């Protein structure tokens, strides 16, 4: 995607990322989740201090083009847990997720992490499998009384070899 910029999240991104998250869940996952599941997963765009804290306490990378936020991913660089991985519905399938993920995996390797973990939606599962992740187990999480299936996944990272010059 031309003109795509990947950068660290800023606190001022929180409202726009909340809207992107909500739209990605409501509009982007319809082939995998029914309307009740999507409504329970994201009844409204997240807001407040807890939302902002989750974005800034993790390593959150944002994809933007011009003044448009197109996606974001978060990873805890202490544990290797990839929490959020969302792309705006209009940007799905255009390389945004791939670019964000490549940046975060690279940072995880530099940080010395040897294992990554996530709870992937049915939509995201295929994305992660293509990048060397494996399913540890399937589960259903309950949100607002509705069961939503996902997969607990992991990826082992090998450290890059250092070659003498």
Protein backbone atom coordinates (compact mmCIF):
# COMPACT_ATOMS: atom_id res chain seq x y z
CA UNK A 1 0.00 0.00 0.00
CA UNK A 2 1.54 3.30 -1.09
CA UNK A 3 2.15 5.99 1.49
CA UNK A 4 1.64 3.66 4.46
CA UNK A 5 3.40 4.93 7.58
CA UNK A 6 4.00 2.66 10.59
CA UNK A 7 4.67 4.54 13.81
CA UNK A 8 4.33 4.17 17.58
CA UNK A 9 0.93 4.95 19.06
CA UNK A 10 0.31 8.34 20.63
CA UNK A 11 -2.19 8.98 23.42
CA UNK A 12 -4.08 11.22 21.00
CA UNK A 13 -4.69 8.18 18.75
CA UNK A 14 -6.94 6.51 21.35
CA UNK A 15 -10.32 7.82 20.10
CA UNK A 16 -9.54 7.06 16.45
CA UNK A 17 -8.24 3.59 17.30
CA UNK A 18 -11.36 2.93 19.37
CA UNK A 19 -13.50 3.71 16.34
CA UNK A 20 -11.27 1.59 14.08
CA UNK A 21 -11.48 -1.35 16.54
CA UNK A 22 -15.27 -1.11 16.71
CA UNK A 23 -15.66 -0.93 12.92
CA UNK A 24 -13.20 -3.79 12.38
CA UNK A 25 -15.20 -6.02 14.72
CA UNK A 26 -18.65 -4.98 13.53
CA UNK A 27 -17.94 -4.76 9.78
CA UNK A 28 -14.82 -6.85 9.19
CA UNK A 29 -15.65 -10.14 10.92
CA UNK A 30 -19.12 -10.83 9.50
CA UNK A 31 -18.05 -13.95 7.60
CA UNK A 32 -16.83 -15.55 10.83
CA UNK A 33 -19.13 -14.27 13.58
CA UNK A 34 -22.86 -13.66 13.69
CA UNK A 35 -24.45 -10.31 14.56
CA UNK A 36 -24.98 -11.23 18.23
CA UNK A 37 -21.33 -12.24 18.62
CA UNK A 38 -20.08 -9.05 16.97
CA UNK A 39 -22.39 -6.91 19.13
CA UNK A 40 -21.19 -8.65 22.31
CA UNK A 41 -17.53 -8.38 21.27
CA UNK A 42 -17.78 -4.64 20.70
CA UNK A 43 -21.05 -3.12 21.90
CA UNK A 44 -19.56 0.39 21.46
CA UNK A 45 -16.14 1.87 20.73
CA UNK A 46 -13.97 1.49 23.86
CA UNK A 47 -13.18 4.64 25.77
CA UNK A 48 -11.76 5.95 29.00
CA UNK A 49 -8.51 5.62 30.84
CA UNK A 50 -8.38 1.79 30.69
CA UNK A 51 -8.49 1.91 26.88
CA UNK A 52 -5.75 4.55 26.68
CA UNK A 53 -3.61 2.66 29.18
CA UNK A 54 -3.86 -0.62 27.22
CA UNK A 55 -2.63 1.19 24.13
CA UNK A 56 0.29 3.08 25.69
CA UNK A 57 1.53 0.44 28.16
CA UNK A 58 2.11 -2.08 25.38
CA UNK A 59 4.23 -1.66 22.28
CA UNK A 60 1.47 -0.36 20.01
CA UNK A 61 2.22 0.30 16.39
CA UNK A 62 -0.19 2.26 14.22
CA UNK A 63 -0.57 2.21 10.44
CA UNK A 64 -1.69 5.43 8.85
CA UNK A 65 -1.97 6.84 5.37
CA UNK A 66 -2.18 10.60 5.24
CA UNK A 67 -4.46 11.49 8.14
CA UNK A 68 -6.32 8.14 8.13
CA UNK A 69 -5.69 5.45 10.74
CA UNK A 70 -5.75 2.09 8.94
CA UNK A 71 -4.70 -0.40 11.60
CA UNK A 72 -2.92 -1.11 14.84
CA UNK A 73 -1.29 -3.96 16.75
CA UNK A 74 -0.12 -4.19 20.34
CA UNK A 75 2.43 -6.47 21.94
CA UNK A 76 3.69 -6.77 25.50
CA UNK A 77 7.46 -6.80 25.03
CA UNK A 78 7.97 -8.51 28.40
CA UNK A 79 5.68 -11.48 27.76
CA UNK A 80 5.33 -11.60 23.97
CA UNK A 81 1.53 -11.42 24.17
CA UNK A 82 0.02 -9.87 21.05
CA UNK A 83 -3.23 -8.32 22.29
CA UNK A 84 -4.82 -6.16 19.59
CA UNK A 85 -4.49 -6.76 15.83
CA UNK A 86 -7.09 -4.74 13.92
CA UNK A 87 -7.33 -3.24 10.45
CA UNK A 88 -10.00 -0.85 9.20
CA UNK A 89 -12.53 -2.74 7.05
CA UNK A 90 -11.75 -0.61 4.00
CA UNK A 91 -8.03 -1.48 4.28
CA UNK A 92 -8.34 -5.24 4.85
CA UNK A 93 -6.41 -7.33 2.35
CA UNK A 94 -4.10 -4.47 1.35
CA UNK A 95 -0.98 -5.41 3.35
CA UNK A 96 -1.64 -3.29 6.44
CA UNK A 97 -1.70 -6.22 8.88
CA UNK A 98 1.35 -7.81 7.26
CA UNK A 99 3.35 -4.61 7.58
CA UNK A 100 2.32 -3.98 11.19
CA UNK A 101 3.04 -7.57 12.15
CA UNK A 102 6.49 -7.57 10.52
CA UNK A 103 7.46 -4.49 12.54
CA UNK A 104 6.25 -5.98 15.83
CA UNK A 105 7.85 -9.38 15.25
CA UNK A 106 11.12 -7.64 14.41
CA UNK A 107 10.93 -5.65 17.63
CA UNK A 108 10.16 -8.82 19.59
CA UNK A 109 13.28 -10.47 18.19
CA UNK A 110 15.41 -7.43 19.04
CA UNK A 111 13.96 -7.53 22.58
CA UNK A 112 15.16 -11.14 22.88
CA UNK A 113 11.72 -12.73 23.03
CA UNK A 114 11.69 -16.41 22.09
CA UNK A 115 7.94 -17.01 22.16
CA UNK A 116 4.87 -15.03 21.10
CA UNK A 117 1.27 -15.78 22.12
CA UNK A 118 -2.14 -14.46 21.16
CA UNK A 119 -5.83 -15.25 21.31
CA UNK A 120 -6.76 -15.02 17.64
CA UNK A 121 -10.20 -14.48 16.22
CA UNK A 122 -11.42 -16.89 13.56
CA UNK A 123 -10.59 -14.16 11.02
CA UNK A 124 -7.05 -13.61 12.33
CA UNK A 125 -6.22 -17.30 12.81
CA UNK A 126 -5.42 -17.89 9.13
CA UNK A 127 -3.25 -14.75 9.07
CA UNK A 128 -1.15 -16.05 11.97
CA UNK A 129 -0.94 -19.63 10.64
CA UNK A 130 0.59 -18.29 7.41
CA UNK A 131 3.29 -16.62 9.52
CA UNK A 132 4.41 -19.74 11.38
CA UNK A 133 2.08 -19.66 14.38
CA UNK A 134 0.35 -22.78 15.67
CA UNK A 135 -2.92 -23.35 17.48
CA UNK A 136 -2.46 -24.48 21.08
CA UNK A 137 -6.16 -24.85 21.81
CA UNK A 138 -9.56 -23.58 20.82
CA UNK A 139 -11.74 -21.81 23.33
CA UNK A 140 -14.89 -19.78 23.71
CA UNK A 141 -14.83 -16.52 25.63
CA UNK A 142 -18.01 -15.07 27.03
CA UNK A 143 -18.86 -11.43 26.47
CA UNK A 144 -22.16 -10.01 27.65
CA UNK A 145 -23.62 -13.52 27.87
CA UNK A 146 -22.59 -14.50 24.33
CA UNK A 147 -19.97 -17.15 23.55
CA UNK A 148 -17.32 -16.11 21.02
CA UNK A 149 -14.88 -18.73 19.67
CA UNK A 150 -11.20 -18.02 19.18
CA UNK A 151 -7.85 -19.82 19.19
CA UNK A 152 -4.97 -19.58 21.63
CA UNK A 153 -1.89 -19.53 19.41
CA UNK A 154 1.87 -19.34 19.79
CA UNK A 155 4.95 -18.82 17.71
CA UNK A 156 8.49 -19.75 18.66
CA UNK A 157 11.07 -17.21 17.60
CA UNK A 158 14.63 -18.12 16.78
CA UNK A 159 17.28 -15.57 17.38
CA UNK A 160 19.00 -14.19 14.34
CA UNK A 161 22.54 -15.50 14.01
CA UNK A 162 25.34 -13.01 14.22
CA UNK A 163 27.95 -13.36 11.53
CA UNK A 164 31.49 -12.14 11.92
CA UNK A 165 32.48 -9.46 9.45
